[in-house]
Amino acid sequence: MITGFSYRAAVSACSLCVAGLLALTPAAAAAGPRATQPAGEPAPPRPGAAVPGPSLLYNSGIQVRPHRDAPGLPDVSALSWLVADAGSGEVLAAYDAHRELPPASTLKTLFALTVLPVLPSGQQHTVRYGELDDVAEGSSLVGVEEGHTYQVADLWRGVFLSSGNDAVHVLARMGGGWEATAARMQDKARSLGALDTHVVSPDGYDAPGQVSSAYDLAVFGRAGLHNPDFARYCATVEASFPGDGSPYSIENTNRLLTGEDGVAPYPGLIGIKNGYTSNAGNTLVAAAHRGGRTLVVTVLNPQAGGGFTVYEEARSLLDWGFAAAGRVDPVGSLDGLRPAVSRPAASAKPVVAAVAPDDDSDWPGTAVVAGLSGLGAGAVALVLRAKWSRGRD
């Protein structure tokens, strides 16, 4: 744990929130003018209302639909990975995107999505004796102390920067209890169309049966960037944490954000969340903004190199994603309703596209469809998941 008396605000909270939200909101001007429809002819269907093509993300192996001028994918050793456009939700490329794997602390993204909205950041809480009794041995800690009073915002900085399982336990107790929080996280995942995730321990610590996937974690990361508090916390490099007598400095453990331990910081990185356990290996959900575009990547358990390989493989996927803009067709969508209703047969193969994708997106139209479908989508998705699970890898 890093101690000291200095506080360095490495990232401006307000600018990050604005930048993140603007990056994720399609500009009306970007769509360009629409062609005038000749009188007497039927109007073409709006792009957002069209039925999406089959998702390739349930197929095993690398899925990508490159144009002839697309850059080649980097060599990535992770057991599962995914690159997506955070604005449109389009998945640009993936490898075993729905493979169920232990998520480690990247599951804290789902914890934050679930609990952040119900606990005001300025609320004070005095940690009661017994609230930290169930923190697993070997957990990452920020240094929460029984009998000490914290603001909720302090505890969230402990979660995002230090990956503090002690802070997670206190916030979960404040939010209704450990088991209740796990159940709510499960419901939240389903509501987002993240069907691979099974929550046992809200802090992401290894537990029998606890899994997620590169797809689901990208969904959580993308959703988090729409929340100003989430976006601010995940992008904070260093902060002050209350201690016994005086505060001390804590630093984000995401080396791609901080540039620590010889890992070069990634230009335009927004952050999100890294994790590690002996069972999960190194895991990372990261997002970066460049040239008016925001990408989100997930890298789960690299099999080559050392503990920092996860950052270098995320770097190479981000570089590829920005270079591939307009040169690949999507292989699926992070909109959970779309893959759930369009899963292809197991024999489907990636298609190499010769035509550039239509950039005339219609986010509002898609949002309306998603809203109208929301009441029944969860039940439909669960039924389809049960039906298809027999053919899953």
Protein backbone atom coordinates (compact mmCIF):
# COMPACT_ATOMS: atom_id res chain seq x y z
CA MET A 1 0.00 0.00 0.00
CA ILE A 2 1.32 3.46 -0.91
CA THR A 3 1.50 5.89 2.02
CA GLY A 4 2.18 9.60 2.21
CA PHE A 5 0.57 12.95 2.76
CA SER A 6 0.36 14.23 -0.85
CA TYR A 7 -2.64 14.22 -3.12
CA ARG A 8 -2.25 14.49 -6.86
CA ALA A 9 -5.30 14.86 -9.07
CA ALA A 10 -3.94 13.41 -12.27
CA VAL A 11 -7.17 13.49 -14.16
CA SER A 12 -9.84 16.19 -14.12
CA ALA A 13 -13.09 14.63 -13.04
CA CYS A 14 -15.38 17.03 -14.88
CA SER A 15 -13.51 16.86 -18.15
CA LEU A 16 -13.40 13.08 -18.03
CA CYS A 17 -17.12 12.80 -17.45
CA VAL A 18 -17.90 15.18 -20.29
CA ALA A 19 -15.39 13.59 -22.63
CA GLY A 20 -16.56 10.09 -21.89
CA LEU A 21 -20.22 10.91 -22.36
CA LEU A 22 -19.65 12.91 -25.53
CA ALA A 23 -17.51 10.10 -26.92
CA LEU A 24 -20.31 7.64 -26.38
CA THR A 25 -23.12 9.82 -27.75
CA PRO A 26 -23.39 9.78 -31.54
CA ALA A 27 -23.35 13.32 -32.91
CA ALA A 28 -26.30 14.22 -35.08
CA ALA A 29 -23.98 15.86 -37.56
CA ALA A 30 -21.99 12.68 -38.02
CA ALA A 31 -24.85 11.00 -39.80
CA GLY A 32 -24.71 13.51 -42.63
CA PRO A 33 -27.65 14.60 -44.78
CA ARG A 34 -30.17 11.98 -45.82
CA ALA A 35 -31.12 11.61 -49.46
CA THR A 36 -34.51 13.04 -50.43
CA GLN A 37 -37.05 10.33 -51.23
CA PRO A 38 -38.66 10.77 -54.69
CA ALA A 39 -42.42 11.34 -54.61
CA GLY A 40 -44.51 8.23 -55.07
CA GLU A 41 -41.75 5.79 -54.11
CA PRO A 42 -41.78 3.83 -50.83
CA ALA A 43 -39.35 5.10 -48.22
CA PRO A 44 -36.42 2.75 -47.48
CA PRO A 45 -36.28 1.25 -43.99
CA ARG A 46 -34.41 3.28 -41.37
CA PRO A 47 -31.01 1.68 -40.66
CA GLY A 48 -31.71 1.36 -36.94
CA ALA A 49 -34.99 -0.47 -37.56
CA ALA A 50 -33.49 -3.14 -39.80
CA VAL A 51 -33.18 -6.66 -38.44
CA PRO A 52 -29.48 -7.21 -37.59
CA GLY A 53 -27.45 -9.87 -39.33
CA PRO A 54 -26.43 -13.01 -37.49
CA SER A 55 -23.91 -12.57 -34.69
CA LEU A 56 -20.72 -14.57 -35.07
CA LEU A 57 -19.77 -14.18 -31.44
CA TYR A 58 -21.02 -17.59 -30.28
CA ASN A 59 -18.66 -19.30 -32.73
CA SER A 60 -15.30 -20.47 -31.46
CA GLY A 61 -12.03 -19.00 -32.66
CA ILE A 62 -11.27 -15.56 -34.08
CA GLN A 63 -14.21 -13.70 -35.56
CA VAL A 64 -13.52 -10.75 -37.86
CA ARG A 65 -14.98 -9.52 -41.17
CA PRO A 66 -12.22 -7.47 -42.76
CA HIS A 67 -12.29 -5.38 -45.91
CA ARG A 68 -9.42 -5.79 -48.32
CA ASP A 69 -7.56 -2.83 -46.84
CA ALA A 70 -8.07 -3.82 -43.20
CA PRO A 71 -5.00 -4.14 -40.97
CA GLY A 72 -4.11 -7.61 -39.76
CA LEU A 73 -5.05 -8.61 -36.25
CA PRO A 74 -2.24 -8.68 -33.68
CA ASP A 75 -1.01 -11.90 -32.12
CA VAL A 76 -2.90 -12.23 -28.83
CA SER A 77 -2.38 -15.12 -26.39
CA ALA A 78 -5.39 -14.46 -24.13
CA LEU A 79 -7.94 -17.24 -23.68
CA SER A 80 -10.62 -14.77 -24.73
CA TRP A 81 -10.69 -11.19 -26.03
CA LEU A 82 -12.94 -8.66 -27.71
CA VAL A 83 -12.71 -5.23 -29.38
CA ALA A 84 -15.82 -3.08 -29.74
CA ASP A 85 -16.91 0.44 -30.59
CA ALA A 86 -18.26 1.84 -27.33
CA GLY A 87 -20.51 4.30 -29.12
CA SER A 88 -22.35 2.05 -31.56
CA GLY A 89 -21.83 -1.17 -29.62
CA GLU A 90 -20.52 -2.89 -32.74
CA VAL A 91 -18.01 -5.66 -32.06
CA LEU A 92 -15.11 -5.28 -34.49
CA ALA A 93 -13.33 -8.55 -33.68
CA ALA A 94 -13.29 -11.18 -30.97
CA TYR A 95 -11.86 -14.52 -29.92
CA ASP A 96 -14.13 -16.93 -28.03
CA ALA A 97 -16.16 -13.93 -26.86
CA HIS A 98 -18.69 -15.99 -24.87
CA ARG A 99 -16.23 -18.38 -23.26
CA GLU A 100 -17.05 -18.49 -19.56
CA LEU A 101 -13.98 -17.73 -17.45
CA PRO A 102 -13.24 -16.44 -13.92
CA PRO A 103 -13.30 -12.62 -14.13
CA ALA A 104 -11.31 -11.66 -11.00
CA SER A 105 -11.73 -7.97 -10.09
CA THR A 106 -13.08 -6.97 -13.50
CA LEU A 107 -16.38 -8.16 -12.00
CA LYS A 108 -16.24 -5.03 -9.86
CA THR A 109 -17.53 -3.22 -12.96
CA LEU A 110 -20.85 -5.03 -12.52
CA PHE A 111 -20.75 -4.37 -8.78
CA ALA A 112 -20.37 -0.65 -9.44
CA LEU A 113 -23.16 -0.61 -12.04
CA THR A 114 -25.44 -2.23 -9.48
CA VAL A 115 -24.58 -0.35 -6.28
CA LEU A 116 -23.42 3.11 -7.42
CA PRO A 117 -26.96 4.35 -8.18
CA VAL A 118 -28.33 3.50 -4.72
CA LEU A 119 -25.66 5.05 -2.47
CA PRO A 120 -25.18 8.85 -2.54
CA SER A 121 -21.49 9.71 -2.87
CA GLY A 122 -21.58 12.11 0.09
CA GLN A 123 -23.21 9.64 2.48
CA GLN A 124 -21.17 8.96 5.64
CA HIS A 125 -20.75 5.48 7.06
CA THR A 126 -18.97 4.27 10.17
CA VAL A 127 -17.64 0.78 9.57
CA ARG A 128 -19.10 -1.59 12.15
CA TYR A 129 -17.19 -4.40 13.76
CA GLY A 130 -17.91 -7.57 11.81
CA GLU A 131 -18.44 -5.89 8.41
CA LEU A 132 -14.94 -6.97 7.33
CA ASP A 133 -15.00 -10.46 8.85
CA ASP A 134 -15.78 -12.20 5.54
CA VAL A 135 -13.07 -10.54 3.42
CA ALA A 136 -11.19 -13.44 1.86
CA GLU A 137 -7.61 -14.06 2.91
CA GLY A 138 -5.20 -12.78 0.28
CA SER A 139 -7.65 -10.17 -1.01
CA SER A 140 -6.45 -6.84 -2.35
CA LEU A 141 -7.20 -4.16 0.26
CA VAL A 142 -7.32 -0.38 0.42
CA GLY A 143 -7.09 -0.27 4.21
CA VAL A 144 -10.66 0.20 5.47
CA GLU A 145 -10.69 0.15 9.29
CA GLU A 146 -13.46 -0.86 11.65
CA GLY A 147 -14.79 2.06 13.69
CA HIS A 148 -13.61 4.62 11.11
CA THR A 149 -16.10 6.88 9.28
CA TYR A 150 -15.86 7.16 5.48
CA GLN A 151 -17.74 8.90 2.73
CA VAL A 152 -19.20 6.61 0.10
CA ALA A 153 -16.98 8.38 -2.48
CA ASP A 154 -13.88 7.38 -0.45
CA LEU A 155 -14.94 3.74 -0.55
CA TRP A 156 -15.54 3.85 -4.31
CA ARG A 157 -12.06 5.24 -4.86
CA GLY A 158 -10.80 2.33 -2.80
CA VAL A 159 -12.70 -0.05 -5.11
CA PHE A 160 -11.58 1.42 -8.42
CA LEU A 161 -7.99 2.40 -7.59
CA SER A 162 -6.83 -0.22 -5.09
CA SER A 163 -9.35 -2.90 -6.07
CA GLY A 164 -10.12 -3.03 -2.36
CA ASN A 165 -12.25 -6.01 -1.44
CA ASP A 166 -12.61 -4.49 2.02
CA ALA A 167 -14.33 -1.45 0.47
CA VAL A 168 -16.56 -3.74 -1.61
CA HIS A 169 -17.69 -5.59 1.51
CA VAL A 170 -18.66 -2.37 3.28
CA LEU A 171 -20.50 -0.95 0.26
CA ALA A 172 -22.33 -4.25 -0.25
CA ARG A 173 -23.47 -4.23 3.39
CA MET A 174 -24.67 -0.65 2.96
CA GLY A 175 -26.51 -1.66 -0.20
CA GLY A 176 -28.50 -4.49 1.40
CA GLY A 177 -26.05 -7.25 2.25
CA TRP A 178 -23.60 -9.60 0.53
CA GLU A 179 -26.03 -12.20 -0.82
CA ALA A 180 -28.63 -9.60 -1.77
CA THR A 181 -25.99 -7.64 -3.67
CA ALA A 182 -24.90 -10.75 -5.56
CA ALA A 183 -28.53 -11.40 -6.54
CA ARG A 184 -29.00 -7.82 -7.70
CA MET A 185 -25.78 -8.01 -9.72
CA GLN A 186 -27.10 -11.14 -11.39
CA ASP A 187 -30.33 -9.35 -12.27
CA LYS A 188 -28.39 -6.36 -13.59
CA ALA A 189 -26.29 -8.57 -15.83
CA ARG A 190 -29.40 -10.18 -17.30
CA SER A 191 -31.02 -6.79 -17.88
CA LEU A 192 -27.97 -5.79 -19.94
CA GLY A 193 -28.12 -8.99 -22.01
CA ALA A 194 -24.98 -10.37 -20.33
CA LEU A 195 -25.96 -14.03 -20.11
CA ASP A 196 -22.56 -15.62 -19.46
CA THR A 197 -22.07 -14.11 -16.02
CA HIS A 198 -22.76 -15.99 -12.79
CA VAL A 199 -22.17 -13.96 -9.64
CA VAL A 200 -21.15 -15.65 -6.39
CA SER A 201 -18.76 -13.15 -4.78
CA PRO A 202 -19.47 -9.47 -5.61
CA ASP A 203 -15.82 -8.48 -5.25
CA GLY A 204 -14.74 -10.85 -8.04
CA TYR A 205 -12.68 -13.08 -5.73
CA ASP A 206 -12.48 -16.68 -6.94
CA ALA A 207 -15.55 -18.68 -5.95
CA PRO A 208 -16.89 -22.01 -7.28
CA GLY A 209 -19.11 -21.36 -10.27
CA GLN A 210 -18.30 -17.67 -10.61
CA VAL A 211 -17.71 -16.82 -14.27
CA SER A 212 -18.12 -14.09 -16.83
CA SER A 213 -16.92 -13.60 -20.42
CA ALA A 214 -15.08 -11.12 -22.59
CA TYR A 215 -18.43 -10.17 -24.11
CA ASP A 216 -20.21 -9.58 -20.81
CA LEU A 217 -17.33 -7.60 -19.30
CA ALA A 218 -17.24 -5.34 -22.37
CA VAL A 219 -20.98 -4.80 -21.90
CA PHE A 220 -20.39 -3.80 -18.27
CA GLY A 221 -17.49 -1.49 -19.16
CA ARG A 222 -19.46 0.22 -21.90
CA ALA A 223 -22.47 0.71 -19.63
CA GLY A 224 -20.23 2.11 -16.89
CA LEU A 225 -18.88 4.84 -19.15
CA HIS A 226 -22.40 6.24 -19.40
CA ASN A 227 -22.41 6.80 -15.63
CA PRO A 228 -20.47 10.01 -14.74
CA ASP A 229 -19.42 8.69 -11.32
CA PHE A 230 -18.21 5.37 -12.75
CA ALA A 231 -16.32 7.18 -15.54
CA ARG A 232 -14.66 9.54 -13.06
CA TYR A 233 -13.60 6.85 -10.61
CA CYS A 234 -12.23 4.46 -13.24
CA ALA A 235 -10.10 7.21 -14.80
CA THR A 236 -8.60 8.50 -11.54
CA VAL A 237 -4.87 7.89 -11.33
CA GLU A 238 -4.21 8.85 -7.71
CA ALA A 239 -6.34 9.92 -4.75
CA SER A 240 -6.24 10.49 -1.03
CA PHE A 241 -7.76 7.85 1.25
CA PRO A 242 -8.71 8.53 4.90
CA GLY A 243 -6.38 6.90 7.39
CA ASP A 244 -5.89 6.72 11.11
CA GLY A 245 -4.90 10.26 11.92
CA SER A 246 -4.15 11.48 8.41
CA PRO A 247 -4.99 10.51 4.81
CA TYR A 248 -2.58 8.60 2.60
CA SER A 249 -2.13 8.33 -1.14
CA ILE A 250 -3.51 5.45 -3.20
CA GLU A 251 -2.72 4.84 -6.86
CA ASN A 252 -4.67 3.07 -9.57
CA THR A 253 -3.37 -0.45 -10.20
CA ASN A 254 -4.19 -0.22 -13.93
CA ARG A 255 -0.68 0.19 -15.38
CA LEU A 256 -2.05 1.11 -18.82
CA LEU A 257 -3.50 4.19 -17.11
CA THR A 258 -0.65 5.07 -14.73
CA GLY A 259 2.42 4.00 -16.71
CA GLU A 260 3.87 2.23 -13.67
CA ASP A 261 6.26 -0.74 -13.64
CA GLY A 262 7.62 -0.07 -17.11
CA VAL A 263 4.22 -0.25 -18.84
CA ALA A 264 3.84 2.79 -21.09
CA PRO A 265 0.56 4.63 -20.52
CA TYR A 266 -1.85 4.36 -23.43
CA PRO A 267 -2.72 7.71 -25.08
CA GLY A 268 -6.37 8.57 -24.61
CA LEU A 269 -7.01 5.82 -22.09
CA ILE A 270 -10.22 6.29 -20.11
CA GLY A 271 -9.46 3.44 -17.75
CA ILE A 272 -12.05 0.90 -16.48
CA LYS A 273 -10.76 -2.10 -14.45
CA ASN A 274 -8.01 -4.69 -14.17
CA GLY A 275 -7.92 -7.82 -12.05
CA TYR A 276 -5.90 -10.84 -11.02
CA THR A 277 -6.38 -14.08 -9.11
CA SER A 278 -4.45 -17.33 -9.33
CA ASN A 279 -7.47 -18.98 -10.92
CA ALA A 280 -8.45 -16.20 -13.33
CA GLY A 281 -4.97 -15.05 -14.27
CA ASN A 282 -4.66 -11.42 -15.38
CA THR A 283 -7.84 -9.81 -16.67
CA LEU A 284 -8.55 -6.33 -18.03
CA VAL A 285 -11.39 -4.22 -19.38
CA ALA A 286 -10.09 -0.97 -20.87
CA ALA A 287 -11.44 1.90 -22.95
CA ALA A 288 -9.68 4.62 -24.90
CA HIS A 289 -10.76 7.65 -26.93
CA ARG A 290 -9.08 8.85 -30.12
CA GLY A 291 -10.19 10.85 -33.12
CA GLY A 292 -13.81 11.14 -32.01
CA ARG A 293 -14.10 7.41 -31.38
CA THR A 294 -14.15 5.37 -28.17
CA LEU A 295 -13.17 1.69 -28.11
CA VAL A 296 -13.58 -0.85 -25.35
CA VAL A 297 -11.47 -4.02 -25.14
CA THR A 298 -11.49 -7.06 -22.90
CA VAL A 299 -8.48 -9.34 -22.42
CA LEU A 300 -8.83 -12.46 -20.27
CA ASN A 301 -5.91 -14.53 -19.03
CA PRO A 302 -2.99 -14.17 -21.49
CA GLN A 303 -1.02 -17.39 -21.82
CA ALA A 304 2.30 -15.84 -22.87
CA GLY A 305 4.70 -13.51 -21.09
CA GLY A 306 4.47 -12.25 -17.55
CA GLY A 307 1.92 -10.43 -15.44
CA PHE A 308 1.97 -7.28 -17.58
CA THR A 309 1.23 -9.05 -20.87
CA VAL A 310 -2.47 -8.28 -20.38
CA TYR A 311 -1.70 -4.57 -20.82
CA GLU A 312 0.42 -5.04 -23.92
CA GLU A 313 -2.19 -7.27 -25.55
CA ALA A 314 -4.89 -4.71 -24.74
CA ARG A 315 -2.64 -2.02 -26.24
CA SER A 316 -2.22 -3.96 -29.47
CA LEU A 317 -5.98 -4.57 -29.75
CA LEU A 318 -6.76 -0.89 -29.17
CA ASP A 319 -4.20 0.10 -31.82
CA TRP A 320 -5.75 -2.37 -34.24
CA GLY A 321 -9.28 -1.19 -33.47
CA PHE A 322 -8.49 2.46 -34.17
CA ALA A 323 -6.63 1.54 -37.37
CA ALA A 324 -9.50 -0.71 -38.50
CA ALA A 325 -12.12 2.05 -38.34
CA GLY A 326 -14.29 1.74 -41.45
CA ARG A 327 -12.28 -1.25 -42.68
CA VAL A 328 -14.16 -4.08 -40.99
CA ASP A 329 -17.80 -5.06 -40.73
CA PRO A 330 -19.13 -5.87 -37.25
CA VAL A 331 -19.32 -9.47 -36.12
CA GLY A 332 -21.93 -8.76 -33.45
CA SER A 333 -23.19 -6.11 -31.05
CA LEU A 334 -22.82 -5.28 -27.36
CA ASP A 335 -26.53 -4.56 -27.38
CA GLY A 336 -27.52 -7.67 -25.43
CA LEU A 337 -30.90 -7.97 -27.15
CA ARG A 338 -29.36 -8.43 -30.58
CA PRO A 339 -27.05 -11.45 -30.10
CA ALA A 340 -29.74 -13.16 -28.02
CA VAL A 341 -32.18 -13.23 -30.94
CA SER A 342 -29.73 -13.76 -33.78
CA ARG A 343 -27.37 -16.53 -32.73
CA PRO A 344 -26.26 -18.46 -35.83
CA ALA A 345 -25.86 -22.15 -36.37
CA ALA A 346 -22.60 -23.61 -35.06
CA SER A 347 -21.34 -24.19 -38.61
CA ALA A 348 -21.55 -20.53 -39.63
CA LYS A 349 -18.25 -19.08 -40.85
CA PRO A 350 -16.99 -15.48 -40.84
CA VAL A 351 -17.69 -13.64 -44.08
CA VAL A 352 -15.07 -11.38 -45.66
CA ALA A 353 -16.92 -8.22 -46.69
CA ALA A 354 -16.05 -6.36 -49.87
CA VAL A 355 -18.31 -3.39 -49.19
CA ALA A 356 -17.66 -0.71 -46.59
CA PRO A 357 -20.12 -0.68 -43.70
CA ASP A 358 -22.95 1.84 -43.58
CA ASP A 359 -21.88 4.59 -41.18
CA ASP A 360 -25.40 6.07 -41.05
CA SER A 361 -26.19 4.70 -37.61
CA ASP A 362 -29.47 5.33 -35.83
CA TRP A 363 -28.82 5.06 -32.08
CA PRO A 364 -32.20 6.61 -31.04
CA GLY A 365 -34.13 4.13 -33.20
CA THR A 366 -32.26 1.24 -31.66
CA ALA A 367 -32.88 2.60 -28.17
CA VAL A 368 -36.64 2.77 -28.80
CA VAL A 369 -36.71 -0.80 -30.03
CA ALA A 370 -34.67 -1.92 -27.02
CA GLY A 371 -36.98 -0.07 -24.66
CA LEU A 372 -40.13 -1.60 -26.09
CA SER A 373 -38.55 -5.03 -26.01
CA GLY A 374 -37.14 -4.72 -22.49
CA LEU A 375 -40.01 -6.28 -20.57
CA GLY A 376 -39.82 -9.60 -22.35
CA ALA A 377 -36.22 -9.69 -23.53
CA GLY A 378 -34.77 -11.12 -20.32
CA ALA A 379 -37.14 -14.08 -20.28
CA VAL A 380 -36.66 -14.73 -24.00
CA ALA A 381 -32.89 -14.55 -23.68
CA LEU A 382 -32.83 -17.02 -20.78
CA VAL A 383 -34.98 -19.50 -22.70
CA LEU A 384 -32.79 -19.21 -25.78
CA ARG A 385 -29.65 -19.55 -23.65
CA ALA A 386 -30.93 -22.78 -22.15
CA LYS A 387 -31.80 -24.08 -25.57
CA TRP A 388 -28.44 -23.22 -27.10
CA SER A 389 -26.16 -23.99 -24.18
CA ARG A 390 -25.80 -27.61 -25.28
CA GLY A 391 -23.80 -26.51 -28.30
CA ARG A 392 -21.55 -24.06 -26.47
CA ASP A 393 -17.78 -24.59 -26.10
